Amino acid sequence: MNEVIDFEFHVSLPLLVNICYGGKCVLPSDCGAPGLPLKAVKSLSGRSLQWDVRGIHGLERPSRNMKIALEPLMQAETRARESLEEITDLALEFGRLSMEAGASAHHAEDIAERVALGLGAERVDMSIGYCSLAVTISFGHEAITRICKVGPVGVNERLHGALSAAAARIERCEMTVTQARTELTATLRDCSRHADWLITLGVSVACAAFGRLMGIDWRDLGPIFLGAALVQIVRRGLALHNVNPFISAATAAFFGSALCGFGARWVGSPTAATNVIAPVSLLVPGVPLFNAQCDILEGRPSLGSARAVWAAVMLIFMTLGVWLARELLEGAH
């Protein structure tokens, strides 16, 4: 006989039952299990519940005085909310790291959303600013909002690609929060920064190649190589001391251009005035300018404008450093 009986819970009942409340049915495997769905836990937090005994094999009709404890259910609700908080924090961390690695707003949002959905969230809403990142993650009637500060934005395509791949694995493999955090830790470990000397070498070679594309003679590549190396060393040293990035760019451009100019004059280059431009090409904010254009075209004018302004100011200070170096060269001539 199918019958629905009203009663209050007072004892734990780890059985496979249909519990109905407010017209909604859930099917928990254990009233106190940590894996109880958040929707079910939310519906079980009221005072009176209904027991649906239809189709439950081997279950006797409960008496009207039957009591089942709400404590395990409330504990499950607490654990479920803590799990939602962990999902929110982890998704926010993925988004922040992507932004700091030089990803566009679209890519950062996509990475964070894939992580949250892969961990069980139903809905993800993000708000991305130039210096902040906010995310709201929902599951059923529960929602949690977190906001964090975005650190200095650089260019790390290796880290960006690794974060995107990790987010895809989390979404595809249905990992737990603990497994996903382990995945993030392994990603950061595998994408550690290269040695400073190797970065300096690569930057110097790239600037020398750029000078060659500008039509500079082969004998002028040596001064450009040394000037670019000095630019990288000065910029790195000032960054470690948290110097303003615009002041750092102007200072690095001045020393690098001055060294390149004096070197080009020493080797007898007829294009010494042009050579001072090549060593500072590494300071050109190409990725921020590209991301600014993408953000504006994708409907984020505030973020795109902020990035464009930052890049423009960086170019102004870089030009200032080169101009001061040329004035020094002309004064010493």
Foldseek 3Di string as FASTA:
>chain_A
DKDKAKAAAAAWDQPFFWWDAPRDTDTDNGLLDLPPALQVLVRLPDGMTMGTPPPDPPDDDDDRHHHRNCVSSVVSNVSVVVQLVLLQVLLQVLLLVLQQQLHFNVLSVVLSVLSSVLQPFDDKDWDDAQFKIKIWTHDNPDIDIDMDTRDHHDHQVLLNVLSSVLSVCSNVVSDHSVVSVVSVVVSCVVRDDDDLVVVLQVQLVVLLVVVVVVVFDPQLSVLLSVLLSQLSVQLVVVVVVVHDNLLSLLVSLQSSLLSSLVSCVVVPGPPSLVSSVSSSPVQQPPSLLVSLVVCVVVPNPNRSVVSVVVNVSSVVSNVNSNVVSVVVVVVVD
